Amino acid sequence: MASRSASPLVHPDAQDFDLIKIMSALTDPIRLSIVLTLAARPGLACSGFRQDLTPSVLTRHFRVLREAGVIRQHDQGNRRVNTLRKEELDTRFPGLIDMVLRENTDQITPPGDADCA
């Protein structure tokens, strides 16, 4: 199945993960809330996130997380499904995601109805 987007989704290989890019991606509260939500609800489609944000803003946040290697996205029909790359991140940076989740579990944002590309 072809991607919905004009250009393919960029997902770095685990050996190419850059700790500075990952930490930079996680400093934004919206992106952090996306990661926390995905940890609790793996495989959530874009439509399951933050209805208080426009689709274009949410798309930008997903792109930053994806290009840093924090999440993986794939198209499933007309939905874009998101997963946290926890196992790959744990292999490259052991304990990093567990620490992020442990320190921020009180900040999980309830899902909404926004969509992303």
N, C-alpha and C. Protein backbone atom coordinates (compact mmCIF):
# COMPACT_ATOMS: atom_id res chain seq x y z
N MET A 1 0.84 -1.18 0.00
CA MET A 1 0.00 0.00 0.00
C MET A 1 0.89 1.24 0.00
N ALA A 2 0.56 2.16 -0.83
CA ALA A 2 1.33 3.41 -0.92
C ALA A 2 1.01 4.31 0.26
N SER A 3 1.98 5.12 0.61
CA SER A 3 1.82 6.08 1.70
C SER A 3 0.86 7.18 1.28
N ARG A 4 0.16 7.75 2.25
CA ARG A 4 -0.75 8.86 1.97
C ARG A 4 0.02 10.11 1.62
N SER A 5 1.24 10.21 2.06
CA SER A 5 2.00 11.44 1.87
C SER A 5 2.78 11.39 0.56
N ALA A 6 3.13 12.56 0.06
CA ALA A 6 3.90 12.65 -1.17
C ALA A 6 5.32 12.13 -0.99
N SER A 7 5.87 12.32 0.19
CA SER A 7 7.22 11.82 0.46
C SER A 7 7.15 10.72 1.51
N PRO A 8 8.07 9.77 1.46
CA PRO A 8 8.04 8.67 2.43
C PRO A 8 8.33 9.15 3.85
N LEU A 9 7.83 8.41 4.81
CA LEU A 9 8.09 8.72 6.20
C LEU A 9 9.53 8.37 6.54
N VAL A 10 10.21 9.27 7.24
CA VAL A 10 11.60 9.06 7.62
C VAL A 10 11.66 8.47 9.02
N HIS A 11 12.28 7.30 9.13
CA HIS A 11 12.50 6.63 10.41
C HIS A 11 13.98 6.27 10.49
N PRO A 12 14.74 6.88 11.38
CA PRO A 12 16.16 6.52 11.47
C PRO A 12 16.34 5.10 11.99
N ASP A 13 17.41 4.46 11.56
CA ASP A 13 17.77 3.16 12.11
C ASP A 13 18.25 3.35 13.55
N ALA A 14 18.08 2.32 14.35
CA ALA A 14 18.43 2.42 15.77
C ALA A 14 19.89 2.81 15.98
N GLN A 15 20.79 2.32 15.14
CA GLN A 15 22.20 2.66 15.32
C GLN A 15 22.47 4.13 14.99
N ASP A 16 21.52 4.80 14.33
CA ASP A 16 21.68 6.21 13.99
C ASP A 16 20.98 7.15 14.98
N PHE A 17 20.38 6.60 16.04
CA PHE A 17 19.73 7.45 17.03
C PHE A 17 20.75 8.43 17.60
N ASP A 18 20.33 9.67 17.76
CA ASP A 18 21.17 10.73 18.32
C ASP A 18 20.53 11.17 19.63
N LEU A 19 21.24 10.99 20.74
CA LEU A 19 20.68 11.31 22.05
C LEU A 19 20.25 12.77 22.14
N ILE A 20 21.01 13.67 21.56
CA ILE A 20 20.66 15.09 21.62
C ILE A 20 19.34 15.35 20.88
N LYS A 21 19.15 14.74 19.71
CA LYS A 21 17.89 14.90 18.97
C LYS A 21 16.72 14.32 19.75
N ILE A 22 16.93 13.17 20.38
CA ILE A 22 15.87 12.54 21.15
C ILE A 22 15.48 13.41 22.34
N MET A 23 16.47 13.87 23.08
CA MET A 23 16.19 14.70 24.25
C MET A 23 15.56 16.03 23.84
N SER A 24 16.01 16.60 22.73
CA SER A 24 15.43 17.83 22.23
C SER A 24 13.96 17.63 21.86
N ALA A 25 13.66 16.51 21.23
CA ALA A 25 12.27 16.21 20.86
C ALA A 25 11.39 16.08 22.10
N LEU A 26 11.96 15.55 23.17
CA LEU A 26 11.18 15.31 24.39
C LEU A 26 11.05 16.53 25.29
N THR A 27 11.75 17.62 24.98
CA THR A 27 11.64 18.82 25.82
C THR A 27 10.34 19.57 25.61
N ASP A 28 9.70 19.35 24.48
CA ASP A 28 8.43 20.04 24.21
C ASP A 28 7.30 19.32 24.96
N PRO A 29 6.47 20.05 25.70
CA PRO A 29 5.41 19.40 26.49
C PRO A 29 4.39 18.64 25.64
N ILE A 30 4.09 19.11 24.46
CA ILE A 30 3.13 18.41 23.61
C ILE A 30 3.73 17.10 23.13
N ARG A 31 4.98 17.14 22.68
CA ARG A 31 5.62 15.90 22.23
C ARG A 31 5.80 14.93 23.38
N LEU A 32 6.13 15.43 24.54
CA LEU A 32 6.24 14.56 25.71
C LEU A 32 4.90 13.90 26.02
N SER A 33 3.82 14.66 25.91
CA SER A 33 2.50 14.08 26.18
C SER A 33 2.14 13.02 25.14
N ILE A 34 2.59 13.19 23.89
CA ILE A 34 2.36 12.18 22.86
C ILE A 34 3.09 10.88 23.25
N VAL A 35 4.33 11.01 23.68
CA VAL A 35 5.12 9.83 24.08
C VAL A 35 4.48 9.13 25.27
N LEU A 36 4.06 9.90 26.26
CA LEU A 36 3.42 9.32 27.43
C LEU A 36 2.13 8.60 27.06
N THR A 37 1.36 9.19 26.17
CA THR A 37 0.12 8.57 25.72
C THR A 37 0.40 7.28 24.96
N LEU A 38 1.41 7.29 24.08
CA LEU A 38 1.74 6.09 23.32
C LEU A 38 2.28 4.98 24.22
N ALA A 39 2.94 5.33 25.29
CA ALA A 39 3.42 4.32 26.23
C ALA A 39 2.23 3.61 26.88
N ALA A 40 1.16 4.35 27.12
CA ALA A 40 -0.03 3.78 27.75
C ALA A 40 -0.97 3.13 26.74
N ARG A 41 -0.95 3.64 25.50
CA ARG A 41 -1.87 3.14 24.47
C ARG A 41 -1.11 2.93 23.16
N PRO A 42 -0.32 1.87 23.06
CA PRO A 42 0.46 1.62 21.84
C PRO A 42 -0.44 1.43 20.63
N GLY A 43 0.04 1.87 19.48
CA GLY A 43 -0.70 1.69 18.24
C GLY A 43 -1.85 2.65 18.07
N LEU A 44 -1.81 3.77 18.74
CA LEU A 44 -2.88 4.76 18.66
C LEU A 44 -2.78 5.54 17.35
N ALA A 45 -3.89 5.69 16.67
CA ALA A 45 -3.91 6.47 15.43
C ALA A 45 -3.84 7.96 15.76
N CYS A 46 -3.44 8.73 14.79
CA CYS A 46 -3.32 10.17 14.98
C CYS A 46 -4.64 10.79 15.46
N SER A 47 -5.74 10.22 15.03
CA SER A 47 -7.04 10.76 15.43
C SER A 47 -7.31 10.59 16.92
N GLY A 48 -6.46 9.87 17.63
CA GLY A 48 -6.64 9.65 19.05
C GLY A 48 -5.94 10.67 19.93
N PHE A 49 -5.38 11.72 19.34
CA PHE A 49 -4.60 12.69 20.10
C PHE A 49 -5.23 14.07 20.09
N ARG A 50 -4.92 14.86 21.04
CA ARG A 50 -5.14 16.28 21.27
C ARG A 50 -6.04 17.02 20.28
N GLN A 51 -7.31 17.06 20.59
CA GLN A 51 -8.23 17.78 19.73
C GLN A 51 -8.11 19.30 19.88
N ASP A 52 -7.33 19.75 20.85
CA ASP A 52 -7.14 21.19 21.02
C ASP A 52 -6.07 21.75 20.09
N LEU A 53 -5.44 20.90 19.28
CA LEU A 53 -4.42 21.33 18.33
C LEU A 53 -4.91 21.13 16.90
N THR A 54 -4.48 22.02 16.01
CA THR A 54 -4.84 21.84 14.60
C THR A 54 -4.06 20.65 14.06
N PRO A 55 -4.59 20.00 13.03
CA PRO A 55 -3.87 18.87 12.44
C PRO A 55 -2.46 19.22 11.97
N SER A 56 -2.27 20.42 11.44
CA SER A 56 -0.93 20.78 10.96
C SER A 56 0.07 20.92 12.12
N VAL A 57 -0.37 21.44 13.25
CA VAL A 57 0.52 21.56 14.41
C VAL A 57 0.85 20.17 14.95
N LEU A 58 -0.13 19.33 15.05
CA LEU A 58 0.09 17.98 15.54
C LEU A 58 1.01 17.20 14.59
N THR A 59 0.82 17.39 13.31
CA THR A 59 1.67 16.73 12.31
C THR A 59 3.13 17.10 12.52
N ARG A 60 3.38 18.35 12.79
CA ARG A 60 4.76 18.81 13.02
C ARG A 60 5.37 18.11 14.23
N HIS A 61 4.61 17.99 15.30
CA HIS A 61 5.11 17.32 16.50
C HIS A 61 5.40 15.84 16.23
N PHE A 62 4.52 15.18 15.50
CA PHE A 62 4.75 13.79 15.15
C PHE A 62 6.00 13.65 14.29
N ARG A 63 6.21 14.56 13.36
CA ARG A 63 7.37 14.49 12.48
C ARG A 63 8.67 14.62 13.28
N VAL A 64 8.71 15.55 14.23
CA VAL A 64 9.91 15.72 15.06
C VAL A 64 10.20 14.44 15.84
N LEU A 65 9.18 13.85 16.44
CA LEU A 65 9.37 12.61 17.20
C LEU A 65 9.81 11.46 16.28
N ARG A 66 9.19 11.36 15.11
CA ARG A 66 9.52 10.30 14.17
C ARG A 66 10.96 10.44 13.67
N GLU A 67 11.35 11.64 13.27
CA GLU A 67 12.69 11.85 12.72
C GLU A 67 13.78 11.74 13.78
N ALA A 68 13.43 11.92 15.05
CA ALA A 68 14.39 11.70 16.14
C ALA A 68 14.51 10.21 16.47
N GLY A 69 13.54 9.42 16.03
CA GLY A 69 13.56 7.99 16.30
C GLY A 69 12.73 7.57 17.49
N VAL A 70 11.98 8.48 18.07
CA VAL A 70 11.20 8.17 19.27
C VAL A 70 9.95 7.36 18.94
N ILE A 71 9.32 7.65 17.81
CA ILE A 71 8.11 6.93 17.41
C ILE A 71 8.28 6.36 16.01
N ARG A 72 7.44 5.41 15.69
CA ARG A 72 7.33 4.87 14.34
C ARG A 72 5.89 5.10 13.90
N GLN A 73 5.71 5.50 12.65
CA GLN A 73 4.38 5.70 12.09
C GLN A 73 4.24 4.83 10.85
N HIS A 74 3.04 4.29 10.67
CA HIS A 74 2.74 3.58 9.43
C HIS A 74 1.26 3.80 9.10
N ASP A 75 0.99 3.76 7.81
CA ASP A 75 -0.38 3.96 7.36
C ASP A 75 -1.12 2.63 7.37
N GLN A 76 -2.35 2.71 7.87
CA GLN A 76 -3.23 1.54 7.92
C GLN A 76 -4.58 2.01 7.40
N GLY A 77 -4.84 1.74 6.13
CA GLY A 77 -6.04 2.29 5.51
C GLY A 77 -5.90 3.80 5.43
N ASN A 78 -6.89 4.51 5.93
CA ASN A 78 -6.82 5.98 5.91
C ASN A 78 -6.36 6.57 7.25
N ARG A 79 -5.78 5.73 8.09
CA ARG A 79 -5.29 6.18 9.39
C ARG A 79 -3.79 6.04 9.47
N ARG A 80 -3.17 6.91 10.21
CA ARG A 80 -1.73 6.81 10.47
C ARG A 80 -1.59 6.35 11.92
N VAL A 81 -0.97 5.19 12.09
CA VAL A 81 -0.83 4.55 13.39
C VAL A 81 0.56 4.86 13.96
N ASN A 82 0.61 5.12 15.24
CA ASN A 82 1.84 5.52 15.93
C ASN A 82 2.22 4.51 17.00
N THR A 83 3.51 4.21 17.07
CA THR A 83 4.01 3.36 18.15
C THR A 83 5.30 3.96 18.69
N LEU A 84 5.50 3.77 19.96
CA LEU A 84 6.72 4.19 20.63
C LEU A 84 7.80 3.16 20.32
N ARG A 85 8.98 3.59 19.95
CA ARG A 85 10.08 2.68 19.61
C ARG A 85 10.88 2.31 20.86
N LYS A 86 10.16 1.91 21.89
CA LYS A 86 10.77 1.68 23.20
C LYS A 86 11.86 0.61 23.17
N GLU A 87 11.61 -0.53 22.54
CA GLU A 87 12.61 -1.60 22.53
C GLU A 87 13.89 -1.14 21.84
N GLU A 88 13.75 -0.46 20.71
CA GLU A 88 14.92 0.02 19.98
C GLU A 88 15.67 1.10 20.78
N LEU A 89 14.90 1.98 21.43
CA LEU A 89 15.52 3.02 22.26
C LEU A 89 16.22 2.40 23.47
N ASP A 90 15.60 1.36 24.05
CA ASP A 90 16.22 0.68 25.20
C ASP A 90 17.53 0.00 24.81
N THR A 91 17.59 -0.53 23.60
CA THR A 91 18.81 -1.17 23.13
C THR A 91 19.93 -0.15 22.98
N ARG A 92 19.59 0.99 22.41
CA ARG A 92 20.61 2.03 22.14
C ARG A 92 20.95 2.85 23.39
N PHE A 93 19.90 3.21 24.17
CA PHE A 93 20.07 4.02 25.38
C PHE A 93 19.29 3.37 26.53
N PRO A 94 19.85 2.33 27.15
CA PRO A 94 19.14 1.58 28.19
C PRO A 94 18.61 2.47 29.31
N GLY A 95 17.31 2.28 29.60
CA GLY A 95 16.68 2.98 30.71
C GLY A 95 16.19 4.39 30.42
N LEU A 96 16.53 4.95 29.27
CA LEU A 96 16.16 6.34 28.97
C LEU A 96 14.65 6.54 28.96
N ILE A 97 13.95 5.74 28.19
CA ILE A 97 12.49 5.92 28.08
C ILE A 97 11.80 5.58 29.39
N ASP A 98 12.27 4.55 30.08
CA ASP A 98 11.69 4.24 31.40
C ASP A 98 11.82 5.42 32.34
N MET A 99 12.97 6.07 32.33
CA MET A 99 13.17 7.24 33.19
C MET A 99 12.24 8.38 32.79
N VAL A 100 12.11 8.64 31.50
CA VAL A 100 11.21 9.69 31.01
C VAL A 100 9.78 9.39 31.43
N LEU A 101 9.36 8.15 31.28
CA LEU A 101 7.99 7.77 31.64
C LEU A 101 7.78 7.87 33.15
N ARG A 102 8.73 7.38 33.90
CA ARG A 102 8.62 7.40 35.37
C ARG A 102 8.53 8.82 35.91
N GLU A 103 9.31 9.73 35.35
CA GLU A 103 9.35 11.10 35.83
C GLU A 103 8.14 11.94 35.39
N ASN A 104 7.35 11.44 34.43
CA ASN A 104 6.29 12.27 33.85
C ASN A 104 4.93 11.60 33.78
N THR A 105 4.70 10.53 34.50
CA THR A 105 3.44 9.81 34.38
C THR A 105 2.22 10.63 34.77
N ASP A 106 2.40 11.66 35.54
CA ASP A 106 1.27 12.50 35.95
C ASP A 106 0.84 13.47 34.85
N GLN A 107 1.55 13.50 33.72
CA GLN A 107 1.26 14.47 32.67
C GLN A 107 0.58 13.88 31.44
N ILE A 108 0.07 12.66 31.51
CA ILE A 108 -0.56 12.04 30.34
C ILE A 108 -1.80 12.84 29.96
N THR A 109 -1.86 13.23 28.68
CA THR A 109 -2.98 14.00 28.17
C THR A 109 -4.01 13.05 27.56
N PRO A 110 -5.30 13.23 27.88
CA PRO A 110 -6.29 12.34 27.31
C PRO A 110 -6.34 12.49 25.80
N PRO A 111 -6.66 11.40 25.09
CA PRO A 111 -6.75 11.46 23.64
C PRO A 111 -7.85 12.39 23.18
N GLY A 112 -7.73 12.88 21.95
CA GLY A 112 -8.73 13.76 21.34
C GLY A 112 -9.09 13.26 19.96
N ASP A 113 -9.55 14.18 19.09
CA ASP A 113 -10.01 13.78 17.77
C ASP A 113 -9.21 14.41 16.64
N ALA A 114 -8.03 14.94 16.90
CA ALA A 114 -7.24 15.56 15.83
C ALA A 114 -6.71 14.48 14.89
N ASP A 115 -6.36 14.86 13.69
CA ASP A 115 -5.77 13.95 12.72
C ASP A 115 -4.39 14.45 12.38
N CYS A 116 -3.56 13.62 11.82
CA CYS A 116 -2.24 14.06 11.40
C CYS A 116 -1.87 13.44 10.08
N ALA A 117 -0.87 14.02 9.44
CA ALA A 117 -0.43 13.51 8.15
C ALA A 117 0.97 12.98 8.26
